[in-house]
Amino acid sequence: ELAETLDRPLVPIYRGTDYLAGRTGIL
C-alpha cells in the first residue's frame, strides 16, 4: 500500500521453484 502511495507499485512473488533466481526486491 505504501509503495502504491509512493507511485512505485510492487507485486508479490510467492514461494515456488527458483522464485528468487536473479530477483532484486524486498524479501
mmCIF file of all heavy atoms, coordinates in Angstrom:
data_MODEL
# 
_entry.id   MODEL 
# 
loop_
_atom_site.group_PDB 
_atom_site.id 
_atom_site.type_symbol 
_atom_site.label_atom_id 
_atom_site.label_alt_id 
_atom_site.label_comp_id 
_atom_site.label_asym_id 
_atom_site.label_entity_id 
_atom_site.label_seq_id 
_atom_site.pdbx_PDB_ins_code 
_atom_site.Cartn_x 
_atom_site.Cartn_y 
_atom_site.Cartn_z 
_atom_site.occupancy 
_atom_site.B_iso_or_equiv 
_atom_site.pdbx_formal_charge 
_atom_site.auth_seq_id 
_atom_site.auth_comp_id 
_atom_site.auth_asym_id 
_atom_site.auth_atom_id 
_atom_site.pdbx_PDB_model_num 
ATOM 1   N N   . GLU A 1 1  ? 0.830  -1.204  0.000   1.00 0.00 ? 1  GLU A N   1 
ATOM 2   C CA  . GLU A 1 1  ? 0.000  0.000   0.000   1.00 0.00 ? 1  GLU A CA  1 
ATOM 3   C C   . GLU A 1 1  ? 0.867  1.258   0.000   1.00 0.00 ? 1  GLU A C   1 
ATOM 4   O O   . GLU A 1 1  ? 0.596  2.217   -0.727  1.00 0.00 ? 1  GLU A O   1 
ATOM 5   C CB  . GLU A 1 1  ? -0.904 -0.034  1.232   1.00 0.00 ? 1  GLU A CB  1 
ATOM 6   C CG  . GLU A 1 1  ? -1.996 0.987   1.255   1.00 0.00 ? 1  GLU A CG  1 
ATOM 7   C CD  . GLU A 1 1  ? -2.890 0.803   2.470   1.00 0.00 ? 1  GLU A CD  1 
ATOM 8   O OE1 . GLU A 1 1  ? -3.233 -0.351  2.825   1.00 0.00 ? 1  GLU A OE1 1 
ATOM 9   O OE2 . GLU A 1 1  ? -3.237 1.833   3.084   1.00 0.00 ? 1  GLU A OE2 1 
ATOM 10  N N   . LEU A 1 2  ? 1.915  1.251   0.793   1.00 0.00 ? 2  LEU A N   1 
ATOM 11  C CA  . LEU A 1 2  ? 2.800  2.408   0.870   1.00 0.00 ? 2  LEU A CA  1 
ATOM 12  C C   . LEU A 1 2  ? 3.566  2.595   -0.441  1.00 0.00 ? 2  LEU A C   1 
ATOM 13  O O   . LEU A 1 2  ? 3.729  3.723   -0.917  1.00 0.00 ? 2  LEU A O   1 
ATOM 14  C CB  . LEU A 1 2  ? 3.758  2.269   2.043   1.00 0.00 ? 2  LEU A CB  1 
ATOM 15  C CG  . LEU A 1 2  ? 4.567  3.501   2.398   1.00 0.00 ? 2  LEU A CG  1 
ATOM 16  C CD1 . LEU A 1 2  ? 3.683  4.722   2.642   1.00 0.00 ? 2  LEU A CD1 1 
ATOM 17  C CD2 . LEU A 1 2  ? 5.422  3.228   3.621   1.00 0.00 ? 2  LEU A CD2 1 
ATOM 18  N N   . ALA A 1 3  ? 4.009  1.513   -1.048  1.00 0.00 ? 3  ALA A N   1 
ATOM 19  C CA  . ALA A 1 3  ? 4.689  1.610   -2.349  1.00 0.00 ? 3  ALA A CA  1 
ATOM 20  C C   . ALA A 1 3  ? 3.754  2.220   -3.391  1.00 0.00 ? 3  ALA A C   1 
ATOM 21  O O   . ALA A 1 3  ? 4.169  3.061   -4.200  1.00 0.00 ? 3  ALA A O   1 
ATOM 22  C CB  . ALA A 1 3  ? 5.178  0.235   -2.791  1.00 0.00 ? 3  ALA A CB  1 
ATOM 23  N N   . GLU A 1 4  ? 2.503  1.822   -3.371  1.00 0.00 ? 4  GLU A N   1 
ATOM 24  C CA  . GLU A 1 4  ? 1.497  2.386   -4.284  1.00 0.00 ? 4  GLU A CA  1 
ATOM 25  C C   . GLU A 1 4  ? 1.329  3.883   -4.028  1.00 0.00 ? 4  GLU A C   1 
ATOM 26  O O   . GLU A 1 4  ? 1.278  4.681   -4.964  1.00 0.00 ? 4  GLU A O   1 
ATOM 27  C CB  . GLU A 1 4  ? 0.170  1.644   -4.086  1.00 0.00 ? 4  GLU A CB  1 
ATOM 28  C CG  . GLU A 1 4  ? -0.919 2.066   -5.024  1.00 0.00 ? 4  GLU A CG  1 
ATOM 29  C CD  . GLU A 1 4  ? -0.800 1.448   -6.409  1.00 0.00 ? 4  GLU A CD  1 
ATOM 30  O OE1 . GLU A 1 4  ? -0.319 0.315   -6.523  1.00 0.00 ? 4  GLU A OE1 1 
ATOM 31  O OE2 . GLU A 1 4  ? -1.194 2.123   -7.367  1.00 0.00 ? 4  GLU A OE2 1 
ATOM 32  N N   . THR A 1 5  ? 1.267  4.266   -2.759  1.00 0.00 ? 5  THR A N   1 
ATOM 33  C CA  . THR A 1 5  ? 1.137  5.677   -2.390  1.00 0.00 ? 5  THR A CA  1 
ATOM 34  C C   . THR A 1 5  ? 2.339  6.481   -2.877  1.00 0.00 ? 5  THR A C   1 
ATOM 35  O O   . THR A 1 5  ? 2.205  7.650   -3.246  1.00 0.00 ? 5  THR A O   1 
ATOM 36  C CB  . THR A 1 5  ? 0.989  5.809   -0.850  1.00 0.00 ? 5  THR A CB  1 
ATOM 37  O OG1 . THR A 1 5  ? -0.176 5.085   -0.458  1.00 0.00 ? 5  THR A OG1 1 
ATOM 38  C CG2 . THR A 1 5  ? 0.854  7.242   -0.410  1.00 0.00 ? 5  THR A CG2 1 
ATOM 39  N N   . LEU A 1 6  ? 3.506  5.844   -2.899  1.00 0.00 ? 6  LEU A N   1 
ATOM 40  C CA  . LEU A 1 6  ? 4.727  6.499   -3.375  1.00 0.00 ? 6  LEU A CA  1 
ATOM 41  C C   . LEU A 1 6  ? 4.846  6.445   -4.903  1.00 0.00 ? 6  LEU A C   1 
ATOM 42  O O   . LEU A 1 6  ? 5.879  6.797   -5.459  1.00 0.00 ? 6  LEU A O   1 
ATOM 43  C CB  . LEU A 1 6  ? 5.956  5.818   -2.745  1.00 0.00 ? 6  LEU A CB  1 
ATOM 44  C CG  . LEU A 1 6  ? 6.134  6.036   -1.247  1.00 0.00 ? 6  LEU A CG  1 
ATOM 45  C CD1 . LEU A 1 6  ? 7.072  4.989   -0.657  1.00 0.00 ? 6  LEU A CD1 1 
ATOM 46  C CD2 . LEU A 1 6  ? 6.636  7.450   -0.979  1.00 0.00 ? 6  LEU A CD2 1 
ATOM 47  N N   . ASP A 1 7  ? 3.778  6.006   -5.571  1.00 0.00 ? 7  ASP A N   1 
ATOM 48  C CA  . ASP A 1 7  ? 3.744  5.870   -7.035  1.00 0.00 ? 7  ASP A CA  1 
ATOM 49  C C   . ASP A 1 7  ? 4.812  4.923   -7.567  1.00 0.00 ? 7  ASP A C   1 
ATOM 50  O O   . ASP A 1 7  ? 5.354  5.115   -8.653  1.00 0.00 ? 7  ASP A O   1 
ATOM 51  C CB  . ASP A 1 7  ? 3.857  7.240   -7.733  1.00 0.00 ? 7  ASP A CB  1 
ATOM 52  C CG  . ASP A 1 7  ? 2.655  8.115   -7.482  1.00 0.00 ? 7  ASP A CG  1 
ATOM 53  O OD1 . ASP A 1 7  ? 1.541  7.576   -7.428  1.00 0.00 ? 7  ASP A OD1 1 
ATOM 54  O OD2 . ASP A 1 7  ? 2.839  9.337   -7.327  1.00 0.00 ? 7  ASP A OD2 1 
ATOM 55  N N   . ARG A 1 8  ? 5.127  3.907   -6.789  1.00 0.00 ? 8  ARG A N   1 
ATOM 56  C CA  . ARG A 1 8  ? 6.103  2.895   -7.188  1.00 0.00 ? 8  ARG A CA  1 
ATOM 57  C C   . ARG A 1 8  ? 5.533  1.522   -6.839  1.00 0.00 ? 8  ARG A C   1 
ATOM 58  O O   . ARG A 1 8  ? 6.043  0.836   -5.956  1.00 0.00 ? 8  ARG A O   1 
ATOM 59  C CB  . ARG A 1 8  ? 7.423  3.121   -6.454  1.00 0.00 ? 8  ARG A CB  1 
ATOM 60  C CG  . ARG A 1 8  ? 8.029  4.504   -6.616  1.00 0.00 ? 8  ARG A CG  1 
ATOM 61  C CD  . ARG A 1 8  ? 8.653  4.744   -7.968  1.00 0.00 ? 8  ARG A CD  1 
ATOM 62  N NE  . ARG A 1 8  ? 9.839  3.968   -8.207  1.00 0.00 ? 8  ARG A NE  1 
ATOM 63  C CZ  . ARG A 1 8  ? 11.056 4.285   -7.750  1.00 0.00 ? 8  ARG A CZ  1 
ATOM 64  N NH1 . ARG A 1 8  ? 11.244 5.361   -7.017  1.00 0.00 ? 8  ARG A NH1 1 
ATOM 65  N NH2 . ARG A 1 8  ? 12.070 3.507   -8.037  1.00 0.00 ? 8  ARG A NH2 1 
ATOM 66  N N   . PRO A 1 9  ? 4.440  1.108   -7.487  1.00 0.00 ? 9  PRO A N   1 
ATOM 67  C CA  . PRO A 1 9  ? 3.761  -0.136  -7.107  1.00 0.00 ? 9  PRO A CA  1 
ATOM 68  C C   . PRO A 1 9  ? 4.664  -1.364  -7.181  1.00 0.00 ? 9  PRO A C   1 
ATOM 69  O O   . PRO A 1 9  ? 5.529  -1.473  -8.054  1.00 0.00 ? 9  PRO A O   1 
ATOM 70  C CB  . PRO A 1 9  ? 2.598  -0.239  -8.084  1.00 0.00 ? 9  PRO A CB  1 
ATOM 71  C CG  . PRO A 1 9  ? 2.876  0.734   -9.164  1.00 0.00 ? 9  PRO A CG  1 
ATOM 72  C CD  . PRO A 1 9  ? 3.847  1.739   -8.652  1.00 0.00 ? 9  PRO A CD  1 
ATOM 73  N N   . LEU A 1 10 ? 4.445  -2.252  -6.239  1.00 0.00 ? 10 LEU A N   1 
ATOM 74  C CA  . LEU A 1 10 ? 5.167  -3.515  -6.160  1.00 0.00 ? 10 LEU A CA  1 
ATOM 75  C C   . LEU A 1 10 ? 4.162  -4.655  -6.258  1.00 0.00 ? 10 LEU A C   1 
ATOM 76  O O   . LEU A 1 10 ? 2.986  -4.485  -5.944  1.00 0.00 ? 10 LEU A O   1 
ATOM 77  C CB  . LEU A 1 10 ? 5.917  -3.621  -4.828  1.00 0.00 ? 10 LEU A CB  1 
ATOM 78  C CG  . LEU A 1 10 ? 6.934  -2.532  -4.506  1.00 0.00 ? 10 LEU A CG  1 
ATOM 79  C CD1 . LEU A 1 10 ? 7.494  -2.736  -3.103  1.00 0.00 ? 10 LEU A CD1 1 
ATOM 80  C CD2 . LEU A 1 10 ? 8.042  -2.506  -5.540  1.00 0.00 ? 10 LEU A CD2 1 
ATOM 81  N N   . VAL A 1 11 ? 4.658  -5.810  -6.673  1.00 0.00 ? 11 VAL A N   1 
ATOM 82  C CA  . VAL A 1 11 ? 3.823  -7.011  -6.711  1.00 0.00 ? 11 VAL A CA  1 
ATOM 83  C C   . VAL A 1 11 ? 4.543  -8.113  -5.939  1.00 0.00 ? 11 VAL A C   1 
ATOM 84  O O   . VAL A 1 11 ? 5.773  -8.187  -5.954  1.00 0.00 ? 11 VAL A O   1 
ATOM 85  C CB  . VAL A 1 11 ? 3.522  -7.483  -8.155  1.00 0.00 ? 11 VAL A CB  1 
ATOM 86  C CG1 . VAL A 1 11 ? 2.657  -6.476  -8.883  1.00 0.00 ? 11 VAL A CG1 1 
ATOM 87  C CG2 . VAL A 1 11 ? 4.794  -7.752  -8.922  1.00 0.00 ? 11 VAL A CG2 1 
ATOM 88  N N   . PRO A 1 12 ? 3.787  -8.952  -5.241  1.00 0.00 ? 12 PRO A N   1 
ATOM 89  C CA  . PRO A 1 12 ? 4.416  -10.065 -4.522  1.00 0.00 ? 12 PRO A CA  1 
ATOM 90  C C   . PRO A 1 12 ? 4.667  -11.246 -5.456  1.00 0.00 ? 12 PRO A C   1 
ATOM 91  O O   . PRO A 1 12 ? 3.846  -11.560 -6.309  1.00 0.00 ? 12 PRO A O   1 
ATOM 92  C CB  . PRO A 1 12 ? 3.377  -10.420 -3.457  1.00 0.00 ? 12 PRO A CB  1 
ATOM 93  C CG  . PRO A 1 12 ? 2.073  -9.979  -4.026  1.00 0.00 ? 12 PRO A CG  1 
ATOM 94  C CD  . PRO A 1 12 ? 2.366  -8.822  -4.934  1.00 0.00 ? 12 PRO A CD  1 
ATOM 95  N N   . ILE A 1 13 ? 5.818  -11.869 -5.278  1.00 0.00 ? 13 ILE A N   1 
ATOM 96  C CA  . ILE A 1 13 ? 6.130  -13.126 -5.955  1.00 0.00 ? 13 ILE A CA  1 
ATOM 97  C C   . ILE A 1 13 ? 6.225  -14.158 -4.832  1.00 0.00 ? 13 ILE A C   1 
ATOM 98  O O   . ILE A 1 13 ? 7.057  -14.033 -3.938  1.00 0.00 ? 13 ILE A O   1 
ATOM 99  C CB  . ILE A 1 13 ? 7.482  -13.055 -6.709  1.00 0.00 ? 13 ILE A CB  1 
ATOM 100 C CG1 . ILE A 1 13 ? 7.525  -11.870 -7.671  1.00 0.00 ? 13 ILE A CG1 1 
ATOM 101 C CG2 . ILE A 1 13 ? 7.775  -14.378 -7.411  1.00 0.00 ? 13 ILE A CG2 1 
ATOM 102 C CD1 . ILE A 1 13 ? 6.556  -11.933 -8.816  1.00 0.00 ? 13 ILE A CD1 1 
ATOM 103 N N   . TYR A 1 14 ? 5.347  -15.133 -4.891  1.00 0.00 ? 14 TYR A N   1 
ATOM 104 C CA  . TYR A 1 14 ? 5.260  -16.114 -3.816  1.00 0.00 ? 14 TYR A CA  1 
ATOM 105 C C   . TYR A 1 14 ? 6.229  -17.264 -4.027  1.00 0.00 ? 14 TYR A C   1 
ATOM 106 O O   . TYR A 1 14 ? 6.716  -17.503 -5.133  1.00 0.00 ? 14 TYR A O   1 
ATOM 107 C CB  . TYR A 1 14 ? 3.822  -16.613 -3.667  1.00 0.00 ? 14 TYR A CB  1 
ATOM 108 C CG  . TYR A 1 14 ? 2.886  -15.511 -3.254  1.00 0.00 ? 14 TYR A CG  1 
ATOM 109 C CD1 . TYR A 1 14 ? 2.121  -14.829 -4.195  1.00 0.00 ? 14 TYR A CD1 1 
ATOM 110 C CD2 . TYR A 1 14 ? 2.813  -15.117 -1.924  1.00 0.00 ? 14 TYR A CD2 1 
ATOM 111 C CE1 . TYR A 1 14 ? 1.283  -13.795 -3.810  1.00 0.00 ? 14 TYR A CE1 1 
ATOM 112 C CE2 . TYR A 1 14 ? 1.972  -14.082 -1.528  1.00 0.00 ? 14 TYR A CE2 1 
ATOM 113 C CZ  . TYR A 1 14 ? 1.205  -13.418 -2.475  1.00 0.00 ? 14 TYR A CZ  1 
ATOM 114 O OH  . TYR A 1 14 ? 0.394  -12.405 -2.097  1.00 0.00 ? 14 TYR A OH  1 
ATOM 115 N N   . ARG A 1 15 ? 6.473  -17.977 -2.932  1.00 0.00 ? 15 ARG A N   1 
ATOM 116 C CA  . ARG A 1 15 ? 7.416  -19.096 -2.943  1.00 0.00 ? 15 ARG A CA  1 
ATOM 117 C C   . ARG A 1 15 ? 7.078  -20.092 -4.040  1.00 0.00 ? 15 ARG A C   1 
ATOM 118 O O   . ARG A 1 15 ? 5.930  -20.433 -4.245  1.00 0.00 ? 15 ARG A O   1 
ATOM 119 C CB  . ARG A 1 15 ? 7.383  -19.803 -1.593  1.00 0.00 ? 15 ARG A CB  1 
ATOM 120 C CG  . ARG A 1 15 ? 7.944  -18.973 -0.470  1.00 0.00 ? 15 ARG A CG  1 
ATOM 121 C CD  . ARG A 1 15 ? 7.785  -19.688 0.851   1.00 0.00 ? 15 ARG A CD  1 
ATOM 122 N NE  . ARG A 1 15 ? 8.397  -20.996 0.783   1.00 0.00 ? 15 ARG A NE  1 
ATOM 123 C CZ  . ARG A 1 15 ? 9.437  -21.365 1.513   1.00 0.00 ? 15 ARG A CZ  1 
ATOM 124 N NH1 . ARG A 1 15 ? 9.947  -20.547 2.389   1.00 0.00 ? 15 ARG A NH1 1 
ATOM 125 N NH2 . ARG A 1 15 ? 9.942  -22.565 1.398   1.00 0.00 ? 15 ARG A NH2 1 
ATOM 126 N N   . GLY A 1 16 ? 8.116  -20.526 -4.698  1.00 0.00 ? 16 GLY A N   1 
ATOM 127 C CA  . GLY A 1 16 ? 7.987  -21.520 -5.758  1.00 0.00 ? 16 GLY A CA  1 
ATOM 128 C C   . GLY A 1 16 ? 9.387  -21.902 -6.203  1.00 0.00 ? 16 GLY A C   1 
ATOM 129 O O   . GLY A 1 16 ? 10.375 -21.321 -5.755  1.00 0.00 ? 16 GLY A O   1 
ATOM 130 N N   . THR A 1 17 ? 9.476  -22.839 -7.091  1.00 0.00 ? 17 THR A N   1 
ATOM 131 C CA  . THR A 1 17 ? 10.772 -23.283 -7.583  1.00 0.00 ? 17 THR A CA  1 
ATOM 132 C C   . THR A 1 17 ? 11.519 -22.113 -8.226  1.00 0.00 ? 17 THR A C   1 
ATOM 133 O O   . THR A 1 17 ? 10.983 -21.464 -9.116  1.00 0.00 ? 17 THR A O   1 
ATOM 134 C CB  . THR A 1 17 ? 10.585 -24.414 -8.613  1.00 0.00 ? 17 THR A CB  1 
ATOM 135 O OG1 . THR A 1 17 ? 9.824  -25.450 -8.002  1.00 0.00 ? 17 THR A OG1 1 
ATOM 136 C CG2 . THR A 1 17 ? 11.927 -24.960 -9.061  1.00 0.00 ? 17 THR A CG2 1 
ATOM 137 N N   . ASP A 1 18 ? 12.711 -21.860 -7.734  1.00 0.00 ? 18 ASP A N   1 
ATOM 138 C CA  . ASP A 1 18 ? 13.581 -20.803 -8.266  1.00 0.00 ? 18 ASP A CA  1 
ATOM 139 C C   . ASP A 1 18 ? 12.929 -19.417 -8.305  1.00 0.00 ? 18 ASP A C   1 
ATOM 140 O O   . ASP A 1 18 ? 13.280 -18.600 -9.143  1.00 0.00 ? 18 ASP A O   1 
ATOM 141 C CB  . ASP A 1 18 ? 14.087 -21.172 -9.662  1.00 0.00 ? 18 ASP A CB  1 
ATOM 142 C CG  . ASP A 1 18 ? 15.024 -22.351 -9.638  1.00 0.00 ? 18 ASP A CG  1 
ATOM 143 O OD1 . ASP A 1 18 ? 15.716 -22.538 -8.616  1.00 0.00 ? 18 ASP A OD1 1 
ATOM 144 O OD2 . ASP A 1 18 ? 15.068 -23.093 -10.634 1.00 0.00 ? 18 ASP A OD2 1 
ATOM 145 N N   . TYR A 1 19 ? 11.994 -19.135 -7.415  1.00 0.00 ? 19 TYR A N   1 
ATOM 146 C CA  . TYR A 1 19 ? 11.301 -17.848 -7.447  1.00 0.00 ? 19 TYR A CA  1 
ATOM 147 C C   . TYR A 1 19 ? 12.203 -16.668 -7.093  1.00 0.00 ? 19 TYR A C   1 
ATOM 148 O O   . TYR A 1 19 ? 11.888 -15.537 -7.426  1.00 0.00 ? 19 TYR A O   1 
ATOM 149 C CB  . TYR A 1 19 ? 10.050 -17.874 -6.569  1.00 0.00 ? 19 TYR A CB  1 
ATOM 150 C CG  . TYR A 1 19 ? 10.284 -17.689 -5.077  1.00 0.00 ? 19 TYR A CG  1 
ATOM 151 C CD1 . TYR A 1 19 ? 9.831  -16.549 -4.438  1.00 0.00 ? 19 TYR A CD1 1 
ATOM 152 C CD2 . TYR A 1 19 ? 10.927 -18.663 -4.313  1.00 0.00 ? 19 TYR A CD2 1 
ATOM 153 C CE1 . TYR A 1 19 ? 10.013 -16.385 -3.071  1.00 0.00 ? 19 TYR A CE1 1 
ATOM 154 C CE2 . TYR A 1 19 ? 11.110 -18.513 -2.968  1.00 0.00 ? 19 TYR A CE2 1 
ATOM 155 C CZ  . TYR A 1 19 ? 10.657 -17.371 -2.345  1.00 0.00 ? 19 TYR A CZ  1 
ATOM 156 O OH  . TYR A 1 19 ? 10.839 -17.204 -0.997  1.00 0.00 ? 19 TYR A OH  1 
ATOM 157 N N   . LEU A 1 20 ? 13.340 -16.922 -6.469  1.00 0.00 ? 20 LEU A N   1 
ATOM 158 C CA  . LEU A 1 20 ? 14.265 -15.842 -6.129  1.00 0.00 ? 20 LEU A CA  1 
ATOM 159 C C   . LEU A 1 20 ? 15.396 -15.689 -7.151  1.00 0.00 ? 20 LEU A C   1 
ATOM 160 O O   . LEU A 1 20 ? 16.137 -14.707 -7.095  1.00 0.00 ? 20 LEU A O   1 
ATOM 161 C CB  . LEU A 1 20 ? 14.876 -16.073 -4.745  1.00 0.00 ? 20 LEU A CB  1 
ATOM 162 C CG  . LEU A 1 20 ? 13.906 -16.103 -3.572  1.00 0.00 ? 20 LEU A CG  1 
ATOM 163 C CD1 . LEU A 1 20 ? 14.644 -16.382 -2.272  1.00 0.00 ? 20 LEU A CD1 1 
ATOM 164 C CD2 . LEU A 1 20 ? 13.106 -14.812 -3.485  1.00 0.00 ? 20 LEU A CD2 1 
ATOM 165 N N   . ALA A 1 21 ? 15.512 -16.619 -8.069  1.00 0.00 ? 21 ALA A N   1 
ATOM 166 C CA  . ALA A 1 21 ? 16.631 -16.629 -9.020  1.00 0.00 ? 21 ALA A CA  1 
ATOM 167 C C   . ALA A 1 21 ? 16.722 -15.308 -9.778  1.00 0.00 ? 21 ALA A C   1 
ATOM 168 O O   . ALA A 1 21 ? 15.800 -14.915 -10.483 1.00 0.00 ? 21 ALA A O   1 
ATOM 169 C CB  . ALA A 1 21 ? 16.480 -17.790 -9.991  1.00 0.00 ? 21 ALA A CB  1 
ATOM 170 N N   . GLY A 1 22 ? 17.835 -14.611 -9.586  1.00 0.00 ? 22 GLY A N   1 
ATOM 171 C CA  . GLY A 1 22 ? 18.093 -13.360 -10.291 1.00 0.00 ? 22 GLY A CA  1 
ATOM 172 C C   . GLY A 1 22 ? 17.253 -12.174 -9.860  1.00 0.00 ? 22 GLY A C   1 
ATOM 173 O O   . GLY A 1 22 ? 17.366 -11.098 -10.428 1.00 0.00 ? 22 GLY A O   1 
ATOM 174 N N   . ARG A 1 23 ? 16.399 -12.340 -8.866  1.00 0.00 ? 23 ARG A N   1 
ATOM 175 C CA  . ARG A 1 23 ? 15.488 -11.264 -8.468  1.00 0.00 ? 23 ARG A CA  1 
ATOM 176 C C   . ARG A 1 23 ? 16.158 -10.235 -7.558  1.00 0.00 ? 23 ARG A C   1 
ATOM 177 O O   . ARG A 1 23 ? 16.995 -10.572 -6.729  1.00 0.00 ? 23 ARG A O   1 
ATOM 178 C CB  . ARG A 1 23 ? 14.295 -11.828 -7.719  1.00 0.00 ? 23 ARG A CB  1 
ATOM 179 C CG  . ARG A 1 23 ? 13.403 -12.652 -8.588  1.00 0.00 ? 23 ARG A CG  1 
ATOM 180 C CD  . ARG A 1 23 ? 11.961 -12.321 -8.286  1.00 0.00 ? 23 ARG A CD  1 
ATOM 181 N NE  . ARG A 1 23 ? 11.108 -13.286 -8.929  1.00 0.00 ? 23 ARG A NE  1 
ATOM 182 C CZ  . ARG A 1 23 ? 10.491 -13.058 -10.077 1.00 0.00 ? 23 ARG A CZ  1 
ATOM 183 N NH1 . ARG A 1 23 ? 10.613 -11.916 -10.686 1.00 0.00 ? 23 ARG A NH1 1 
ATOM 184 N NH2 . ARG A 1 23 ? 9.720  -13.992 -10.610 1.00 0.00 ? 23 ARG A NH2 1 
ATOM 185 N N   . THR A 1 24 ? 15.704 -9.005  -7.715  1.00 0.00 ? 24 THR A N   1 
ATOM 186 C CA  . THR A 1 24 ? 16.039 -7.930  -6.800  1.00 0.00 ? 24 THR A CA  1 
ATOM 187 C C   . THR A 1 24 ? 14.711 -7.396  -6.279  1.00 0.00 ? 24 THR A C   1 
ATOM 188 O O   . THR A 1 24 ? 13.801 -7.129  -7.076  1.00 0.00 ? 24 THR A O   1 
ATOM 189 C CB  . THR A 1 24 ? 16.831 -6.811  -7.514  1.00 0.00 ? 24 THR A CB  1 
ATOM 190 O OG1 . THR A 1 24 ? 18.072 -7.360  -7.962  1.00 0.00 ? 24 THR A OG1 1 
ATOM 191 C CG2 . THR A 1 24 ? 17.100 -5.641  -6.586  1.00 0.00 ? 24 THR A CG2 1 
ATOM 192 N N   . GLY A 1 25 ? 14.588 -7.295  -4.966  1.00 0.00 ? 25 GLY A N   1 
ATOM 193 C CA  . GLY A 1 25 ? 13.341 -6.823  -4.384  1.00 0.00 ? 25 GLY A CA  1 
ATOM 194 C C   . GLY A 1 25 ? 13.414 -6.816  -2.871  1.00 0.00 ? 25 GLY A C   1 
ATOM 195 O O   . GLY A 1 25 ? 14.481 -6.929  -2.279  1.00 0.00 ? 25 GLY A O   1 
ATOM 196 N N   . ILE A 1 26 ? 12.260 -6.682  -2.260  1.00 0.00 ? 26 ILE A N   1 
ATOM 197 C CA  . ILE A 1 26 ? 12.143 -6.672  -0.804  1.00 0.00 ? 26 ILE A CA  1 
ATOM 198 C C   . ILE A 1 26 ? 11.683 -8.068  -0.387  1.00 0.00 ? 26 ILE A C   1 
ATOM 199 O O   . ILE A 1 26 ? 10.593 -8.496  -0.751  1.00 0.00 ? 26 ILE A O   1 
ATOM 200 C CB  . ILE A 1 26 ? 11.150 -5.594  -0.340  1.00 0.00 ? 26 ILE A CB  1 
ATOM 201 C CG1 . ILE A 1 26 ? 11.621 -4.212  -0.802  1.00 0.00 ? 26 ILE A CG1 1 
ATOM 202 C CG2 . ILE A 1 26 ? 10.987 -5.636  1.177   1.00 0.00 ? 26 ILE A CG2 1 
ATOM 203 C CD1 . ILE A 1 26 ? 10.607 -3.103  -0.580  1.00 0.00 ? 26 ILE A CD1 1 
ATOM 204 N N   . LEU A 1 27 ? 12.537 -8.750  0.349   1.00 0.00 ? 27 LEU A N   1 
ATOM 205 C CA  . LEU A 1 27 ? 12.297 -10.147 0.705   1.00 0.00 ? 27 LEU A CA  1 
ATOM 206 C C   . LEU A 1 27 ? 11.842 -10.265 2.150   1.00 0.00 ? 27 LEU A C   1 
ATOM 207 O O   . LEU A 1 27 ? 12.478 -9.732  3.053   1.00 0.00 ? 27 LEU A O   1 
ATOM 208 C CB  . LEU A 1 27 ? 13.584 -10.960 0.499   1.00 0.00 ? 27 LEU A CB  1 
ATOM 209 C CG  . LEU A 1 27 ? 13.542 -12.439 0.866   1.00 0.00 ? 27 LEU A CG  1 
ATOM 210 C CD1 . LEU A 1 27 ? 12.546 -13.194 -0.015  1.00 0.00 ? 27 LEU A CD1 1 
ATOM 211 C CD2 . LEU A 1 27 ? 14.936 -13.046 0.738   1.00 0.00 ? 27 LEU A CD2 1 
# 
